[in-house]
Amino acid sequence: MKTLPYKPYIAEIIGTFTLTLAVSLSLLGKVGALPTPLVAATVLGLFVYTIGAISGAHLNPAVTLGLWSIKKINAQQAGLYIVSELIGAAVAMLVVGLFAFNQPAVTVNTDVTILAAETIGTFFLAFGVSSVVYGKVSDVASGLVIGTSLLLGILIAAGLGSNGVLNPAVAFGIGSAGPMYLLGPIVGSIAAMQLYRWMAK
């Protein structure tokens, strides 16, 4: 059965909403002792399996722009994906407010080291995504590879001093949407996907 044109964008709203909500609740200490990087990696891995065949499970404007840069989606699709991802993150932010929780307390630093950390961290995430996109990983392992790529990227970015968000939509949803948290992931994603495309040819 052919997927209707709007279904991928609904899937992206649901996926990005869930990812942003889970990260927010984790930062607020509402999901027990499970570390936030592991929460984010688990959610992303799950959605690769559940909606990957519908939307590709980007759940991240930086990943979307990376895929656009290697011509896996066109400009119109990229724009609609990004709007959907931002809607999902905004709804998650509203839900957190609806339950009278404070927004997560995150510090937004504009130092260039934050830009570097988010770029490097997202590079590892997008490199893993690229391996799936170019068919170097089986469908069975796709969620595991992408989820653990996110986990690795977050750990490296956080170790280098950033909040380890690697996702402009989630950054917006948790109040970490400074310029370095928007630009860094985009640069890292495009660089990784361009490099992987070159190596895979």
C-alpha atoms as a PDB file:
ATOM      1  CA  MET A   1       0.000   0.000   0.000  1.00  0.00           C
ATOM      2  CA  LYS A   2       1.345   3.400  -0.985  1.00  0.00           C
ATOM      3  CA  THR A   3       2.071   5.822   1.858  1.00  0.00           C
ATOM      4  CA  LEU A   4      -0.086   8.947   1.543  1.00  0.00           C
ATOM      5  CA  PRO A   5       1.936  12.169   1.057  1.00  0.00           C
ATOM      6  CA  TYR A   6       1.167  13.611   4.495  1.00  0.00           C
ATOM      7  CA  LYS A   7       1.790  10.482   6.552  1.00  0.00           C
ATOM      8  CA  PRO A   8       5.586  10.895   6.817  1.00  0.00           C
ATOM      9  CA  TYR A   9       5.104  14.338   8.343  1.00  0.00           C
ATOM     10  CA  ILE A  10       2.593  13.082  10.906  1.00  0.00           C
ATOM     11  CA  ALA A  11       5.078  10.351  11.784  1.00  0.00           C
ATOM     12  CA  GLU A  12       7.805  12.971  12.252  1.00  0.00           C
ATOM     13  CA  ILE A  13       5.564  15.042  14.530  1.00  0.00           C
ATOM     14  CA  ILE A  14       4.819  12.002  16.700  1.00  0.00           C
ATOM     15  CA  GLY A  15       8.434  10.864  16.798  1.00  0.00           C
ATOM     16  CA  THR A  16       9.945  14.261  17.562  1.00  0.00           C
ATOM     17  CA  PHE A  17       7.241  14.944  20.151  1.00  0.00           C
ATOM     18  CA  THR A  18       8.086  11.697  21.929  1.00  0.00           C
ATOM     19  CA  LEU A  19      11.832  12.269  21.775  1.00  0.00           C
ATOM     20  CA  THR A  20      11.568  15.831  23.083  1.00  0.00           C
ATOM     21  CA  LEU A  21       9.108  14.858  25.816  1.00  0.00           C
ATOM     22  CA  ALA A  22      11.244  11.934  26.974  1.00  0.00           C
ATOM     23  CA  VAL A  23      14.386  14.070  27.078  1.00  0.00           C
ATOM     24  CA  SER A  24      12.540  16.849  28.940  1.00  0.00           C
ATOM     25  CA  LEU A  25      11.135  14.466  31.550  1.00  0.00           C
ATOM     26  CA  SER A  26      14.529  12.848  31.983  1.00  0.00           C
ATOM     27  CA  LEU A  27      16.215  16.216  32.549  1.00  0.00           C
ATOM     28  CA  LEU A  28      13.494  17.014  35.095  1.00  0.00           C
ATOM     29  CA  GLY A  29      14.181  13.748  36.932  1.00  0.00           C
ATOM     30  CA  LYS A  30      10.746  12.295  36.137  1.00  0.00           C
ATOM     31  CA  VAL A  31      11.860   8.992  34.593  1.00  0.00           C
ATOM     32  CA  GLY A  32      13.865   7.441  37.396  1.00  0.00           C
ATOM     33  CA  ALA A  33      17.608   6.978  37.315  1.00  0.00           C
ATOM     34  CA  LEU A  34      17.975   6.249  33.608  1.00  0.00           C
ATOM     35  CA  PRO A  35      20.578   8.698  32.165  1.00  0.00           C
ATOM     36  CA  THR A  36      19.257  11.182  29.615  1.00  0.00           C
ATOM     37  CA  PRO A  37      21.641  10.080  26.825  1.00  0.00           C
ATOM     38  CA  LEU A  38      20.342   6.532  27.157  1.00  0.00           C
ATOM     39  CA  VAL A  39      16.735   7.760  27.161  1.00  0.00           C
ATOM     40  CA  ALA A  40      17.313   9.709  23.930  1.00  0.00           C
ATOM     41  CA  ALA A  41      19.133   6.808  22.255  1.00  0.00           C
ATOM     42  CA  THR A  42      16.415   4.334  23.211  1.00  0.00           C
ATOM     43  CA  VAL A  43      13.595   6.535  21.912  1.00  0.00           C
ATOM     44  CA  LEU A  44      15.366   7.236  18.621  1.00  0.00           C
ATOM     45  CA  GLY A  45      16.198   3.567  18.109  1.00  0.00           C
ATOM     46  CA  LEU A  46      12.592   2.590  18.799  1.00  0.00           C
ATOM     47  CA  PHE A  47      11.230   5.081  16.285  1.00  0.00           C
ATOM     48  CA  VAL A  48      13.672   3.958  13.602  1.00  0.00           C
ATOM     49  CA  TYR A  49      11.945   0.582  13.865  1.00  0.00           C
ATOM     50  CA  THR A  50       8.382   1.877  14.193  1.00  0.00           C
ATOM     51  CA  ILE A  51       8.265   4.748  11.673  1.00  0.00           C
ATOM     52  CA  GLY A  52      11.479   4.334   9.699  1.00  0.00           C
ATOM     53  CA  ALA A  53       9.606   2.788   6.779  1.00  0.00           C
ATOM     54  CA  ILE A  54       7.096   5.664   6.817  1.00  0.00           C
ATOM     55  CA  SER A  55       9.199   8.798   7.256  1.00  0.00           C
ATOM     56  CA  GLY A  56      12.782   7.654   7.657  1.00  0.00           C
ATOM     57  CA  ALA A  57      12.600   8.628  11.357  1.00  0.00           C
ATOM     58  CA  HIS A  58      14.771  11.727  11.094  1.00  0.00           C
ATOM     59  CA  LEU A  59      13.264  13.392  14.201  1.00  0.00           C
ATOM     60  CA  ASN A  60      15.982  16.021  13.797  1.00  0.00           C
ATOM     61  CA  PRO A  61      16.222  19.029  11.431  1.00  0.00           C
ATOM     62  CA  ALA A  62      19.984  18.573  11.211  1.00  0.00           C
ATOM     63  CA  VAL A  63      19.576  14.985   9.982  1.00  0.00           C
ATOM     64  CA  THR A  64      16.926  16.192   7.534  1.00  0.00           C
ATOM     65  CA  LEU A  65      19.279  18.822   6.115  1.00  0.00           C
ATOM     66  CA  GLY A  66      22.061  16.255   5.896  1.00  0.00           C
ATOM     67  CA  LEU A  67      19.827  13.945   3.875  1.00  0.00           C
ATOM     68  CA  TRP A  68      18.805  16.847   1.655  1.00  0.00           C
ATOM     69  CA  SER A  69      22.500  17.654   1.066  1.00  0.00           C
ATOM     70  CA  ILE A  70      23.079  14.135  -0.328  1.00  0.00           C
ATOM     71  CA  LYS A  71      19.876  14.317  -2.400  1.00  0.00           C
ATOM     72  CA  LYS A  72      17.946  11.648  -0.501  1.00  0.00           C
ATOM     73  CA  ILE A  73      15.047  14.101  -0.139  1.00  0.00           C
ATOM     74  CA  ASN A  74      14.165  17.253  -2.080  1.00  0.00           C
ATOM     75  CA  ALA A  75      13.951  20.820  -0.764  1.00  0.00           C
ATOM     76  CA  GLN A  76      10.162  20.766  -0.351  1.00  0.00           C
ATOM     77  CA  GLN A  77      10.280  17.519   1.602  1.00  0.00           C
ATOM     78  CA  ALA A  78      13.105  18.865   3.773  1.00  0.00           C
ATOM     79  CA  GLY A  79      11.097  21.984   4.592  1.00  0.00           C
ATOM     80  CA  LEU A  80       8.005  19.981   5.528  1.00  0.00           C
ATOM     81  CA  TYR A  81      10.073  17.585   7.623  1.00  0.00           C
ATOM     82  CA  ILE A  82      11.654  20.455   9.549  1.00  0.00           C
ATOM     83  CA  VAL A  83       8.297  22.141  10.174  1.00  0.00           C
ATOM     84  CA  SER A  84       6.893  18.809  11.399  1.00  0.00           C
ATOM     85  CA  GLU A  85       9.856  18.248  13.715  1.00  0.00           C
ATOM     86  CA  LEU A  86       9.519  21.722  15.213  1.00  0.00           C
ATOM     87  CA  ILE A  87       5.779  21.201  15.721  1.00  0.00           C
ATOM     88  CA  GLY A  88       6.473  17.940  17.549  1.00  0.00           C
ATOM     89  CA  ALA A  89       9.029  19.621  19.815  1.00  0.00           C
ATOM     90  CA  ALA A  90       6.694  22.560  20.507  1.00  0.00           C
ATOM     91  CA  VAL A  91       3.822  20.246  21.470  1.00  0.00           C
ATOM     92  CA  ALA A  92       6.148  18.396  23.857  1.00  0.00           C
ATOM     93  CA  MET A  93       7.103  21.707  25.452  1.00  0.00           C
ATOM     94  CA  LEU A  94       3.403  22.554  25.865  1.00  0.00           C
ATOM     95  CA  VAL A  95       2.692  19.177  27.470  1.00  0.00           C
ATOM     96  CA  VAL A  96       5.479  19.718  30.007  1.00  0.00           C
ATOM     97  CA  GLY A  97       3.926  23.091  30.835  1.00  0.00           C
ATOM     98  CA  LEU A  98       0.427  21.609  30.998  1.00  0.00           C
ATOM     99  CA  PHE A  99       1.528  19.293  33.790  1.00  0.00           C
ATOM    100  CA  ALA A 100       2.908  22.337  35.631  1.00  0.00           C
ATOM    101  CA  PHE A 101       6.497  21.172  35.347  1.00  0.00           C
ATOM    102  CA  ASN A 102       9.207  23.763  35.005  1.00  0.00           C
ATOM    103  CA  GLN A 103      11.144  23.710  31.771  1.00  0.00           C
ATOM    104  CA  PRO A 104      14.437  21.795  32.078  1.00  0.00           C
ATOM    105  CA  ALA A 105      17.202  23.938  33.552  1.00  0.00           C
ATOM    106  CA  VAL A 106      19.821  24.052  30.803  1.00  0.00           C
ATOM    107  CA  THR A 107      22.553  26.605  30.249  1.00  0.00           C
ATOM    108  CA  VAL A 108      22.866  28.010  26.732  1.00  0.00           C
ATOM    109  CA  ASN A 109      26.461  29.043  26.088  1.00  0.00           C
ATOM    110  CA  THR A 110      27.488  30.817  22.878  1.00  0.00           C
ATOM    111  CA  ASP A 111      31.176  29.941  23.130  1.00  0.00           C
ATOM    112  CA  VAL A 112      32.722  28.563  19.947  1.00  0.00           C
ATOM    113  CA  THR A 113      33.696  25.399  21.820  1.00  0.00           C
ATOM    114  CA  ILE A 114      29.986  24.580  22.079  1.00  0.00           C
ATOM    115  CA  LEU A 115      29.711  24.873  18.315  1.00  0.00           C
ATOM    116  CA  ALA A 116      32.638  22.477  17.927  1.00  0.00           C
ATOM    117  CA  ALA A 117      31.242  20.006  20.469  1.00  0.00           C
ATOM    118  CA  GLU A 118      27.786  19.897  18.869  1.00  0.00           C
ATOM    119  CA  THR A 119      29.341  19.590  15.403  1.00  0.00           C
ATOM    120  CA  ILE A 120      31.554  16.668  16.403  1.00  0.00           C
ATOM    121  CA  GLY A 121      28.810  14.898  18.332  1.00  0.00           C
ATOM    122  CA  THR A 122      26.316  15.212  15.489  1.00  0.00           C
ATOM    123  CA  PHE A 123      28.953  13.996  13.054  1.00  0.00           C
ATOM    124  CA  PHE A 124      28.958  10.615  14.802  1.00  0.00           C
ATOM    125  CA  LEU A 125      25.157  10.472  14.862  1.00  0.00           C
ATOM    126  CA  ALA A 126      24.868  11.310  11.160  1.00  0.00           C
ATOM    127  CA  PHE A 127      27.661   8.915  10.240  1.00  0.00           C
ATOM    128  CA  GLY A 128      25.608   6.104  11.755  1.00  0.00           C
ATOM    129  CA  VAL A 129      22.473   7.308   9.983  1.00  0.00           C
ATOM    130  CA  SER A 130      24.388   7.352   6.705  1.00  0.00           C
ATOM    131  CA  SER A 131      25.411   3.718   7.097  1.00  0.00           C
ATOM    132  CA  VAL A 132      21.728   2.788   7.207  1.00  0.00           C
ATOM    133  CA  VAL A 133      20.757   5.143   4.376  1.00  0.00           C
ATOM    134  CA  TYR A 134      23.392   3.641   2.085  1.00  0.00           C
ATOM    135  CA  GLY A 135      22.383   0.085   2.920  1.00  0.00           C
ATOM    136  CA  LYS A 136      25.562  -0.887   4.775  1.00  0.00           C
ATOM    137  CA  VAL A 137      23.510  -1.995   7.789  1.00  0.00           C
ATOM    138  CA  SER A 138      20.659  -4.491   7.712  1.00  0.00           C
ATOM    139  CA  ASP A 139      17.128  -3.345   8.495  1.00  0.00           C
ATOM    140  CA  VAL A 140      17.181  -5.560  11.583  1.00  0.00           C
ATOM    141  CA  ALA A 141      20.101  -3.599  13.036  1.00  0.00           C
ATOM    142  CA  SER A 142      19.110  -0.108  11.833  1.00  0.00           C
ATOM    143  CA  GLY A 143      17.511   1.098  15.066  1.00  0.00           C
ATOM    144  CA  LEU A 144      20.375  -0.253  17.147  1.00  0.00           C
ATOM    145  CA  VAL A 145      23.008   1.406  14.962  1.00  0.00           C
ATOM    146  CA  ILE A 146      21.271   4.785  14.850  1.00  0.00           C
ATOM    147  CA  GLY A 147      20.351   4.733  18.542  1.00  0.00           C
ATOM    148  CA  THR A 148      23.891   3.894  19.627  1.00  0.00           C
ATOM    149  CA  SER A 149      25.284   6.478  17.185  1.00  0.00           C
ATOM    150  CA  LEU A 150      23.180   9.082  18.978  1.00  0.00           C
ATOM    151  CA  LEU A 151      24.373   7.788  22.348  1.00  0.00           C
ATOM    152  CA  LEU A 152      28.007   8.030  21.238  1.00  0.00           C
ATOM    153  CA  GLY A 153      27.481  11.506  19.809  1.00  0.00           C
ATOM    154  CA  ILE A 154      25.805  12.785  22.982  1.00  0.00           C
ATOM    155  CA  LEU A 155      28.527  11.362  25.219  1.00  0.00           C
ATOM    156  CA  ILE A 156      31.271  12.942  23.116  1.00  0.00           C
ATOM    157  CA  ALA A 157      29.542  16.326  22.807  1.00  0.00           C
ATOM    158  CA  ALA A 158      28.749  16.431  26.521  1.00  0.00           C
ATOM    159  CA  GLY A 159      32.307  15.396  27.321  1.00  0.00           C
ATOM    160  CA  LEU A 160      33.530  18.335  25.242  1.00  0.00           C
ATOM    161  CA  GLY A 161      31.383  20.748  27.239  1.00  0.00           C
ATOM    162  CA  SER A 162      28.046  21.162  25.441  1.00  0.00           C
ATOM    163  CA  ASN A 163      24.580  20.087  26.561  1.00  0.00           C
ATOM    164  CA  GLY A 164      24.898  17.204  24.098  1.00  0.00           C
ATOM    165  CA  VAL A 165      21.616  17.903  22.328  1.00  0.00           C
ATOM    166  CA  LEU A 166      22.654  17.340  18.673  1.00  0.00           C
ATOM    167  CA  ASN A 167      19.152  18.238  17.523  1.00  0.00           C
ATOM    168  CA  PRO A 168      17.812  21.771  16.847  1.00  0.00           C
ATOM    169  CA  ALA A 169      14.182  20.686  17.406  1.00  0.00           C
ATOM    170  CA  VAL A 170      14.906  19.072  20.770  1.00  0.00           C
ATOM    171  CA  ALA A 171      17.112  22.045  21.662  1.00  0.00           C
ATOM    172  CA  PHE A 172      14.115  24.300  21.033  1.00  0.00           C
ATOM    173  CA  GLY A 173      11.831  22.035  23.062  1.00  0.00           C
ATOM    174  CA  ILE A 174      14.084  21.927  26.140  1.00  0.00           C
ATOM    175  CA  GLY A 175      15.153  25.589  26.065  1.00  0.00           C
ATOM    176  CA  SER A 176      18.653  25.017  24.658  1.00  0.00           C
ATOM    177  CA  ALA A 177      18.091  26.670  21.276  1.00  0.00           C
ATOM    178  CA  GLY A 178      21.107  28.975  21.199  1.00  0.00           C
ATOM    179  CA  PRO A 179      22.900  29.621  17.898  1.00  0.00           C
ATOM    180  CA  MET A 180      25.615  27.045  18.604  1.00  0.00           C
ATOM    181  CA  TYR A 181      22.988  24.364  19.260  1.00  0.00           C
ATOM    182  CA  LEU A 182      21.328  25.175  15.952  1.00  0.00           C
ATOM    183  CA  LEU A 183      24.352  25.585  13.697  1.00  0.00           C
ATOM    184  CA  GLY A 184      26.627  22.876  15.146  1.00  0.00           C
ATOM    185  CA  PRO A 185      24.307  19.928  14.450  1.00  0.00           C
ATOM    186  CA  ILE A 186      23.616  21.131  10.906  1.00  0.00           C
ATOM    187  CA  VAL A 187      27.330  21.429  10.080  1.00  0.00           C
ATOM    188  CA  GLY A 188      28.111  18.052  11.675  1.00  0.00           C
ATOM    189  CA  SER A 189      25.280  16.260   9.890  1.00  0.00           C
ATOM    190  CA  ILE A 190      26.069  17.618   6.434  1.00  0.00           C
ATOM    191  CA  ALA A 191      29.797  16.925   6.860  1.00  0.00           C
ATOM    192  CA  ALA A 192      29.220  13.322   7.971  1.00  0.00           C
ATOM    193  CA  MET A 193      26.750  12.502   5.237  1.00  0.00           C
ATOM    194  CA  GLN A 194      28.862  14.053   2.511  1.00  0.00           C
ATOM    195  CA  LEU A 195      31.896  12.109   3.715  1.00  0.00           C
ATOM    196  CA  TYR A 196      29.956   8.840   3.935  1.00  0.00           C
ATOM    197  CA  ARG A 197      28.522   9.338   0.460  1.00  0.00           C
ATOM    198  CA  TRP A 198      32.031   9.840  -0.891  1.00  0.00           C
ATOM    199  CA  MET A 199      33.299   6.687   0.840  1.00  0.00           C
ATOM    200  CA  ALA A 200      30.301   4.570  -0.139  1.00  0.00           C
ATOM    201  CA  LYS A 201      30.608   5.299  -3.861  1.00  0.00           C
END
